[in-house]
Amino acid sequence: MADLAGSIRRFLQELSTDELEERVLEYVVREVGNGRKLEDTLRDPYVRNRLNEERLDHILEQPEVIDAIEKSIATAFEQKDFGFTS
């Protein structure tokens, strides 16, 4: 019975972890999509207070984040605004 309770506890914890990662993923994609630098977004307390480095690495591998970064780069090239000047 203890094994079953432990299994249920781990399952529920994984579900909450997945939900948390999903919310942070959405936040990162939204912020980068709005023109914020990825580096600044990843240093944001909202991200840092919710994910450790391993989980953050997992977020960065997601296609949604990669797409948002690619769009941000494309926009920078279109506008010729690379952020070199203040």
PDB file of N, CA and C in Angstrom:
ATOM      1  N   MET A   1       0.820  -1.194   0.000  1.00  0.00           N
ATOM      2  CA  MET A   1       0.000   0.000   0.000  1.00  0.00           C
ATOM      3  C   MET A   1       0.871   1.268   0.000  1.00  0.00           C
ATOM      4  N   ALA A   2       1.991   1.212   0.708  1.00  0.00           N
ATOM      5  CA  ALA A   2       2.896   2.359   0.743  1.00  0.00           C
ATOM      6  C   ALA A   2       3.476   2.634  -0.638  1.00  0.00           C
ATOM      7  N   ASP A   3       3.749   1.563  -1.408  1.00  0.00           N
ATOM      8  CA  ASP A   3       4.269   1.737  -2.763  1.00  0.00           C
ATOM      9  C   ASP A   3       3.247   2.442  -3.654  1.00  0.00           C
ATOM     10  N   LEU A   4       1.989   2.091  -3.488  1.00  0.00           N
ATOM     11  CA  LEU A   4       0.932   2.719  -4.270  1.00  0.00           C
ATOM     12  C   LEU A   4       0.834   4.203  -3.926  1.00  0.00           C
ATOM     13  N   ALA A   5       0.869   4.536  -2.658  1.00  0.00           N
ATOM     14  CA  ALA A   5       0.796   5.932  -2.235  1.00  0.00           C
ATOM     15  C   ALA A   5       1.993   6.714  -2.775  1.00  0.00           C
ATOM     16  N   GLY A   6       3.167   6.120  -2.727  1.00  0.00           N
ATOM     17  CA  GLY A   6       4.363   6.771  -3.265  1.00  0.00           C
ATOM     18  C   GLY A   6       4.260   6.979  -4.766  1.00  0.00           C
ATOM     19  N   SER A   7       3.737   5.997  -5.455  1.00  0.00           N
ATOM     20  CA  SER A   7       3.563   6.111  -6.906  1.00  0.00           C
ATOM     21  C   SER A   7       2.585   7.219  -7.258  1.00  0.00           C
ATOM     22  N   ILE A   8       1.501   7.288  -6.513  1.00  0.00           N
ATOM     23  CA  ILE A   8       0.506   8.337  -6.746  1.00  0.00           C
ATOM     24  C   ILE A   8       1.110   9.703  -6.464  1.00  0.00           C
ATOM     25  N   ARG A   9       1.851   9.817  -5.383  1.00  0.00           N
ATOM     26  CA  ARG A   9       2.486  11.075  -5.013  1.00  0.00           C
ATOM     27  C   ARG A   9       3.455  11.528  -6.115  1.00  0.00           C
ATOM     28  N   ARG A  10       4.282  10.607  -6.626  1.00  0.00           N
ATOM     29  CA  ARG A  10       5.227  10.939  -7.706  1.00  0.00           C
ATOM     30  C   ARG A  10       4.488  11.352  -8.970  1.00  0.00           C
ATOM     31  N   PHE A  11       3.421  10.645  -9.290  1.00  0.00           N
ATOM     32  CA  PHE A  11       2.628  10.968 -10.472  1.00  0.00           C
ATOM     33  C   PHE A  11       2.053  12.378 -10.366  1.00  0.00           C
ATOM     34  N   LEU A  12       1.475  12.710  -9.229  1.00  0.00           N
ATOM     35  CA  LEU A  12       0.895  14.035  -9.039  1.00  0.00           C
ATOM     36  C   LEU A  12       1.965  15.121  -9.068  1.00  0.00           C
ATOM     37  N   GLN A  13       3.125  14.821  -8.517  1.00  0.00           N
ATOM     38  CA  GLN A  13       4.223  15.784  -8.537  1.00  0.00           C
ATOM     39  C   GLN A  13       4.690  16.017  -9.976  1.00  0.00           C
ATOM     40  N   GLU A  14       4.780  14.963 -10.766  1.00  0.00           N
ATOM     41  CA  GLU A  14       5.174  15.113 -12.167  1.00  0.00           C
ATOM     42  C   GLU A  14       4.146  15.935 -12.943  1.00  0.00           C
ATOM     43  N   LEU A  15       2.873  15.735 -12.645  1.00  0.00           N
ATOM     44  CA  LEU A  15       1.837  16.523 -13.298  1.00  0.00           C
ATOM     45  C   LEU A  15       1.989  18.006 -12.975  1.00  0.00           C
ATOM     46  N   SER A  16       2.236  18.320 -11.719  1.00  0.00           N
ATOM     47  CA  SER A  16       2.387  19.722 -11.339  1.00  0.00           C
ATOM     48  C   SER A  16       3.661  20.307 -11.936  1.00  0.00           C
ATOM     49  N   THR A  17       4.712  19.493 -12.046  1.00  0.00           N
ATOM     50  CA  THR A  17       5.950  19.943 -12.669  1.00  0.00           C
ATOM     51  C   THR A  17       5.716  20.255 -14.133  1.00  0.00           C
ATOM     52  N   ASP A  18       5.003  19.377 -14.828  1.00  0.00           N
ATOM     53  CA  ASP A  18       4.701  19.607 -16.235  1.00  0.00           C
ATOM     54  C   ASP A  18       3.880  20.876 -16.425  1.00  0.00           C
ATOM     55  N   GLU A  19       2.918  21.091 -15.558  1.00  0.00           N
ATOM     56  CA  GLU A  19       2.083  22.292 -15.647  1.00  0.00           C
ATOM     57  C   GLU A  19       2.917  23.539 -15.410  1.00  0.00           C
ATOM     58  N   LEU A  20       3.798  23.500 -14.436  1.00  0.00           N
ATOM     59  CA  LEU A  20       4.672  24.633 -14.143  1.00  0.00           C
ATOM     60  C   LEU A  20       5.585  24.922 -15.330  1.00  0.00           C
ATOM     61  N   GLU A  21       6.191  23.887 -15.892  1.00  0.00           N
ATOM     62  CA  GLU A  21       7.050  24.070 -17.057  1.00  0.00           C
ATOM     63  C   GLU A  21       6.259  24.653 -18.221  1.00  0.00           C
ATOM     64  N   GLU A  22       5.039  24.206 -18.392  1.00  0.00           N
ATOM     65  CA  GLU A  22       4.196  24.710 -19.480  1.00  0.00           C
ATOM     66  C   GLU A  22       3.918  26.204 -19.304  1.00  0.00           C
ATOM     67  N   ARG A  23       3.634  26.619 -18.080  1.00  0.00           N
ATOM     68  CA  ARG A  23       3.373  28.041 -17.829  1.00  0.00           C
ATOM     69  C   ARG A  23       4.613  28.882 -18.087  1.00  0.00           C
ATOM     70  N   VAL A  24       5.774  28.393 -17.655  1.00  0.00           N
ATOM     71  CA  VAL A  24       7.026  29.129 -17.893  1.00  0.00           C
ATOM     72  C   VAL A  24       7.339  29.146 -19.386  1.00  0.00           C
ATOM     73  N   LEU A  25       7.105  28.040 -20.064  1.00  0.00           N
ATOM     74  CA  LEU A  25       7.310  27.979 -21.513  1.00  0.00           C
ATOM     75  C   LEU A  25       6.457  29.039 -22.212  1.00  0.00           C
ATOM     76  N   GLU A  26       5.196  29.108 -21.857  1.00  0.00           N
ATOM     77  CA  GLU A  26       4.305  30.106 -22.454  1.00  0.00           C
ATOM     78  C   GLU A  26       4.795  31.519 -22.175  1.00  0.00           C
ATOM     79  N   TYR A  27       5.279  31.752 -20.960  1.00  0.00           N
ATOM     80  CA  TYR A  27       5.795  33.066 -20.581  1.00  0.00           C
ATOM     81  C   TYR A  27       7.005  33.440 -21.427  1.00  0.00           C
ATOM     82  N   VAL A  28       7.952  32.512 -21.559  1.00  0.00           N
ATOM     83  CA  VAL A  28       9.169  32.785 -22.326  1.00  0.00           C
ATOM     84  C   VAL A  28       8.825  33.068 -23.782  1.00  0.00           C
ATOM     85  N   VAL A  29       7.962  32.251 -24.369  1.00  0.00           N
ATOM     86  CA  VAL A  29       7.566  32.448 -25.766  1.00  0.00           C
ATOM     87  C   VAL A  29       6.881  33.802 -25.930  1.00  0.00           C
ATOM     88  N   ARG A  30       5.988  34.141 -25.018  1.00  0.00           N
ATOM     89  CA  ARG A  30       5.267  35.415 -25.091  1.00  0.00           C
ATOM     90  C   ARG A  30       6.225  36.600 -24.991  1.00  0.00           C
ATOM     91  N   GLU A  31       7.138  36.545 -24.029  1.00  0.00           N
ATOM     92  CA  GLU A  31       8.066  37.655 -23.825  1.00  0.00           C
ATOM     93  C   GLU A  31       9.001  37.842 -25.017  1.00  0.00           C
ATOM     94  N   VAL A  32       9.555  36.754 -25.513  1.00  0.00           N
ATOM     95  CA  VAL A  32      10.442  36.836 -26.677  1.00  0.00           C
ATOM     96  C   VAL A  32       9.638  37.292 -27.892  1.00  0.00           C
ATOM     97  N   GLY A  33       8.425  36.796 -28.027  1.00  0.00           N
ATOM     98  CA  GLY A  33       7.556  37.213 -29.122  1.00  0.00           C
ATOM     99  C   GLY A  33       7.213  38.691 -29.077  1.00  0.00           C
ATOM    100  N   ASN A  34       7.211  39.263 -27.881  1.00  0.00           N
ATOM    101  CA  ASN A  34       6.935  40.695 -27.717  1.00  0.00           C
ATOM    102  C   ASN A  34       8.183  41.551 -27.877  1.00  0.00           C
ATOM    103  N   GLY A  35       9.299  40.912 -28.241  1.00  0.00           N
ATOM    104  CA  GLY A  35      10.511  41.674 -28.505  1.00  0.00           C
ATOM    105  C   GLY A  35      11.524  41.703 -27.379  1.00  0.00           C
ATOM    106  N   ARG A  36      11.241  41.051 -26.292  1.00  0.00           N
ATOM    107  CA  ARG A  36      12.194  41.029 -25.183  1.00  0.00           C
ATOM    108  C   ARG A  36      13.331  40.065 -25.500  1.00  0.00           C
ATOM    109  N   LYS A  37      14.530  40.404 -25.078  1.00  0.00           N
ATOM    110  CA  LYS A  37      15.677  39.534 -25.313  1.00  0.00           C
ATOM    111  C   LYS A  37      15.535  38.256 -24.494  1.00  0.00           C
ATOM    112  N   LEU A  38      15.915  37.141 -25.098  1.00  0.00           N
ATOM    113  CA  LEU A  38      15.834  35.849 -24.413  1.00  0.00           C
ATOM    114  C   LEU A  38      16.646  35.869 -23.121  1.00  0.00           C
ATOM    115  N   GLU A  39      17.823  36.428 -23.184  1.00  0.00           N
ATOM    116  CA  GLU A  39      18.695  36.479 -22.010  1.00  0.00           C
ATOM    117  C   GLU A  39      18.018  37.198 -20.843  1.00  0.00           C
ATOM    118  N   ASP A  40      17.368  38.314 -21.126  1.00  0.00           N
ATOM    119  CA  ASP A  40      16.654  39.060 -20.079  1.00  0.00           C
ATOM    120  C   ASP A  40      15.475  38.260 -19.544  1.00  0.00           C
ATOM    121  N   THR A  41      14.772  37.604 -20.445  1.00  0.00           N
ATOM    122  CA  THR A  41      13.619  36.802 -20.037  1.00  0.00           C
ATOM    123  C   THR A  41      14.037  35.662 -19.118  1.00  0.00           C
ATOM    124  N   LEU A  42      15.148  35.005 -19.452  1.00  0.00           N
ATOM    125  CA  LEU A  42      15.608  33.880 -18.634  1.00  0.00           C
ATOM    126  C   LEU A  42      16.116  34.320 -17.275  1.00  0.00           C
ATOM    127  N   ARG A  43      16.530  35.576 -17.146  1.00  0.00           N
ATOM    128  CA  ARG A  43      16.978  36.098 -15.846  1.00  0.00           C
ATOM    129  C   ARG A  43      15.824  36.632 -15.011  1.00  0.00           C
ATOM    130  N   ASP A  44      14.655  36.686 -15.599  1.00  0.00           N
ATOM    131  CA  ASP A  44      13.479  37.221 -14.929  1.00  0.00           C
ATOM    132  C   ASP A  44      13.187  36.410 -13.661  1.00  0.00           C
ATOM    133  N   PRO A  45      12.843  37.075 -12.563  1.00  0.00           N
ATOM    134  CA  PRO A  45      12.519  36.352 -11.332  1.00  0.00           C
ATOM    135  C   PRO A  45      11.386  35.339 -11.506  1.00  0.00           C
ATOM    136  N   TYR A  46      10.439  35.621 -12.392  1.00  0.00           N
ATOM    137  CA  TYR A  46       9.344  34.677 -12.627  1.00  0.00           C
ATOM    138  C   TYR A  46       9.904  33.335 -13.084  1.00  0.00           C
ATOM    139  N   VAL A  47      10.900  33.359 -13.949  1.00  0.00           N
ATOM    140  CA  VAL A  47      11.500  32.128 -14.461  1.00  0.00           C
ATOM    141  C   VAL A  47      12.420  31.516 -13.406  1.00  0.00           C
ATOM    142  N   ARG A  48      13.302  32.322 -12.842  1.00  0.00           N
ATOM    143  CA  ARG A  48      14.314  31.829 -11.885  1.00  0.00           C
ATOM    144  C   ARG A  48      13.701  31.243 -10.620  1.00  0.00           C
ATOM    145  N   ASN A  49      12.583  31.784 -10.193  1.00  0.00           N
ATOM    146  CA  ASN A  49      11.950  31.298  -8.964  1.00  0.00           C
ATOM    147  C   ASN A  49      11.157  30.011  -9.175  1.00  0.00           C
ATOM    148  N   ARG A  50      10.983  29.617 -10.424  1.00  0.00           N
ATOM    149  CA  ARG A  50      10.149  28.448 -10.696  1.00  0.00           C
ATOM    150  C   ARG A  50      10.896  27.241 -11.250  1.00  0.00           C
ATOM    151  N   LEU A  51      12.035  27.482 -11.895  1.00  0.00           N
ATOM    152  CA  LEU A  51      12.741  26.374 -12.531  1.00  0.00           C
ATOM    153  C   LEU A  51      14.211  26.331 -12.130  1.00  0.00           C
ATOM    154  N   ASN A  52      14.702  25.125 -11.920  1.00  0.00           N
ATOM    155  CA  ASN A  52      16.142  24.971 -11.730  1.00  0.00           C
ATOM    156  C   ASN A  52      16.794  24.905 -13.108  1.00  0.00           C
ATOM    157  N   GLU A  53      18.113  24.836 -13.150  1.00  0.00           N
ATOM    158  CA  GLU A  53      18.835  24.858 -14.429  1.00  0.00           C
ATOM    159  C   GLU A  53      18.441  23.692 -15.343  1.00  0.00           C
ATOM    160  N   GLU A  54      18.279  22.523 -14.770  1.00  0.00           N
ATOM    161  CA  GLU A  54      17.932  21.344 -15.569  1.00  0.00           C
ATOM    162  C   GLU A  54      16.570  21.510 -16.234  1.00  0.00           C
ATOM    163  N   ARG A  55      15.608  21.989 -15.485  1.00  0.00           N
ATOM    164  CA  ARG A  55      14.265  22.181 -16.039  1.00  0.00           C
ATOM    165  C   ARG A  55      14.243  23.338 -17.031  1.00  0.00           C
ATOM    166  N   LEU A  56      15.069  24.354 -16.789  1.00  0.00           N
ATOM    167  CA  LEU A  56      15.168  25.463 -17.728  1.00  0.00           C
ATOM    168  C   LEU A  56      15.770  24.993 -19.051  1.00  0.00           C
ATOM    169  N   ASP A  57      16.774  24.146 -18.979  1.00  0.00           N
ATOM    170  CA  ASP A  57      17.357  23.569 -20.198  1.00  0.00           C
ATOM    171  C   ASP A  57      16.295  22.820 -20.995  1.00  0.00           C
ATOM    172  N   HIS A  58      15.431  22.098 -20.293  1.00  0.00           N
ATOM    173  CA  HIS A  58      14.360  21.361 -20.961  1.00  0.00           C
ATOM    174  C   HIS A  58      13.415  22.320 -21.679  1.00  0.00           C
ATOM    175  N   ILE A  59      13.100  23.433 -21.057  1.00  0.00           N
ATOM    176  CA  ILE A  59      12.235  24.449 -21.665  1.00  0.00           C
ATOM    177  C   ILE A  59      12.877  24.989 -22.945  1.00  0.00           C
ATOM    178  N   LEU A  60      14.175  25.254 -22.887  1.00  0.00           N
ATOM    179  CA  LEU A  60      14.855  25.860 -24.029  1.00  0.00           C
ATOM    180  C   LEU A  60      14.933  24.931 -25.240  1.00  0.00           C
ATOM    181  N   GLU A  61      14.730  23.650 -25.017  1.00  0.00           N
ATOM    182  CA  GLU A  61      14.754  22.691 -26.114  1.00  0.00           C
ATOM    183  C   GLU A  61      13.405  22.574 -26.825  1.00  0.00           C
ATOM    184  N   GLN A  62      12.401  23.220 -26.298  1.00  0.00           N
ATOM    185  CA  GLN A  62      11.053  23.088 -26.853  1.00  0.00           C
ATOM    186  C   GLN A  62      10.921  23.852 -28.171  1.00  0.00           C
ATOM    187  N   PRO A  63      10.247  23.278 -29.141  1.00  0.00           N
ATOM    188  CA  PRO A  63      10.091  23.921 -30.455  1.00  0.00           C
ATOM    189  C   PRO A  63       9.460  25.314 -30.389  1.00  0.00           C
ATOM    190  N   GLU A  64       8.555  25.528 -29.447  1.00  0.00           N
ATOM    191  CA  GLU A  64       7.908  26.841 -29.341  1.00  0.00           C
ATOM    192  C   GLU A  64       8.918  27.928 -29.019  1.00  0.00           C
ATOM    193  N   VAL A  65       9.869  27.622 -28.154  1.00  0.00           N
ATOM    194  CA  VAL A  65      10.889  28.612 -27.787  1.00  0.00           C
ATOM    195  C   VAL A  65      11.812  28.859 -28.980  1.00  0.00           C
ATOM    196  N   ILE A  66      12.207  27.805 -29.635  1.00  0.00           N
ATOM    197  CA  ILE A  66      13.084  27.939 -30.801  1.00  0.00           C
ATOM    198  C   ILE A  66      12.393  28.758 -31.889  1.00  0.00           C
ATOM    199  N   ASP A  67      11.105  28.513 -32.132  1.00  0.00           N
ATOM    200  CA  ASP A  67      10.352  29.297 -33.117  1.00  0.00           C
ATOM    201  C   ASP A  67      10.302  30.775 -32.738  1.00  0.00           C
ATOM    202  N   ALA A  68      10.060  31.062 -31.469  1.00  0.00           N
ATOM    203  CA  ALA A  68       9.994  32.454 -31.012  1.00  0.00           C
ATOM    204  C   ALA A  68      11.338  33.147 -31.197  1.00  0.00           C
ATOM    205  N   ILE A  69      12.416  32.443 -30.927  1.00  0.00           N
ATOM    206  CA  ILE A  69      13.753  33.019 -31.106  1.00  0.00           C
ATOM    207  C   ILE A  69      14.024  33.278 -32.586  1.00  0.00           C
ATOM    208  N   GLU A  70      13.670  32.329 -33.425  1.00  0.00           N
ATOM    209  CA  GLU A  70      13.865  32.502 -34.865  1.00  0.00           C
ATOM    210  C   GLU A  70      13.077  33.703 -35.387  1.00  0.00           C
ATOM    211  N   LYS A  71      11.854  33.872 -34.925  1.00  0.00           N
ATOM    212  CA  LYS A  71      11.045  35.015 -35.348  1.00  0.00           C
ATOM    213  C   LYS A  71      11.657  36.322 -34.866  1.00  0.00           C
ATOM    214  N   SER A  72      12.193  36.306 -33.642  1.00  0.00           N
ATOM    215  CA  SER A  72      12.838  37.494 -33.099  1.00  0.00           C
ATOM    216  C   SER A  72      14.065  37.874 -33.923  1.00  0.00           C
ATOM    217  N   ILE A  73      14.831  36.885 -34.328  1.00  0.00           N
ATOM    218  CA  ILE A  73      16.018  37.136 -35.159  1.00  0.00           C
ATOM    219  C   ILE A  73      15.587  37.675 -36.525  1.00  0.00           C
ATOM    220  N   ALA A  74      14.573  37.061 -37.123  1.00  0.00           N
ATOM    221  CA  ALA A  74      14.084  37.514 -38.426  1.00  0.00           C
ATOM    222  C   ALA A  74      13.605  38.961 -38.359  1.00  0.00           C
ATOM    223  N   THR A  75      12.890  39.309 -37.298  1.00  0.00           N
ATOM    224  CA  THR A  75      12.409  40.675 -37.124  1.00  0.00           C
ATOM    225  C   THR A  75      13.572  41.640 -36.984  1.00  0.00           C
ATOM    226  N   ALA A  76      14.589  41.258 -36.230  1.00  0.00           N
ATOM    227  CA  ALA A  76      15.767  42.119 -36.066  1.00  0.00           C
ATOM    228  C   ALA A  76      16.433  42.384 -37.410  1.00  0.00           C
ATOM    229  N   PHE A  77      16.533  41.367 -38.246  1.00  0.00           N
ATOM    230  CA  PHE A  77      17.129  41.549 -39.567  1.00  0.00           C
ATOM    231  C   PHE A  77      16.250  42.419 -40.461  1.00  0.00           C
ATOM    232  N   GLU A  78      14.943  42.218 -40.408  1.00  0.00           N
ATOM    233  CA  GLU A  78      14.034  43.022 -41.222  1.00  0.00           C
ATOM    234  C   GLU A  78      14.106  44.493 -40.837  1.00  0.00           C
ATOM    235  N   GLN A  79      14.217  44.744 -39.541  1.00  0.00           N
ATOM    236  CA  GLN A  79      14.230  46.126 -39.046  1.00  0.00           C
ATOM    237  C   GLN A  79      15.648  46.688 -38.938  1.00  0.00           C
ATOM    238  N   LYS A  80      16.616  45.838 -39.220  1.00  0.00           N
ATOM    239  CA  LYS A  80      18.034  46.212 -39.087  1.00  0.00           C
ATOM    240  C   LYS A  80      18.314  46.791 -37.698  1.00  0.00           C
ATOM    241  N   ASP A  81      17.696  46.180 -36.707  1.00  0.00           N
ATOM    242  CA  ASP A  81      17.851  46.596 -35.310  1.00  0.00           C
ATOM    243  C   ASP A  81      18.417  45.410 -34.534  1.00  0.00           C
ATOM    244  N   PHE A  82      19.719  45.431 -34.329  1.00  0.00           N
ATOM    245  CA  PHE A  82      20.382  44.316 -33.681  1.00  0.00           C
ATOM    246  C   PHE A  82      20.717  44.597 -32.216  1.00  0.00           C
ATOM    247  N   GLY A  83      20.297  45.746 -31.728  1.00  0.00           N
ATOM    248  CA  GLY A  83      20.509  46.065 -30.319  1.00  0.00           C
ATOM    249  C   GLY A  83      21.938  46.429 -29.959  1.00  0.00           C
ATOM    250  N   PHE A  84      22.713  46.858 -30.927  1.00  0.00           N
ATOM    251  CA  PHE A  84      24.112  47.208 -30.643  1.00  0.00           C
ATOM    252  C   PHE A  84      24.235  48.596 -30.029  1.00  0.00           C
ATOM    253  N   THR A  85      23.245  49.450 -30.270  1.00  0.00           N
ATOM    254  CA  THR A  85      23.294  50.794 -29.717  1.00  0.00           C
ATOM    255  C   THR A  85      22.157  50.976 -28.733  1.00  0.00           C
ATOM    256  N   SER A  86      22.372  51.876 -27.812  1.00  0.00           N
ATOM    257  CA  SER A  86      21.330  52.126 -26.805  1.00  0.00           C
ATOM    258  C   SER A  86      20.408  53.218 -27.219  1.00  0.00           C
TER     259      SER A  86
END
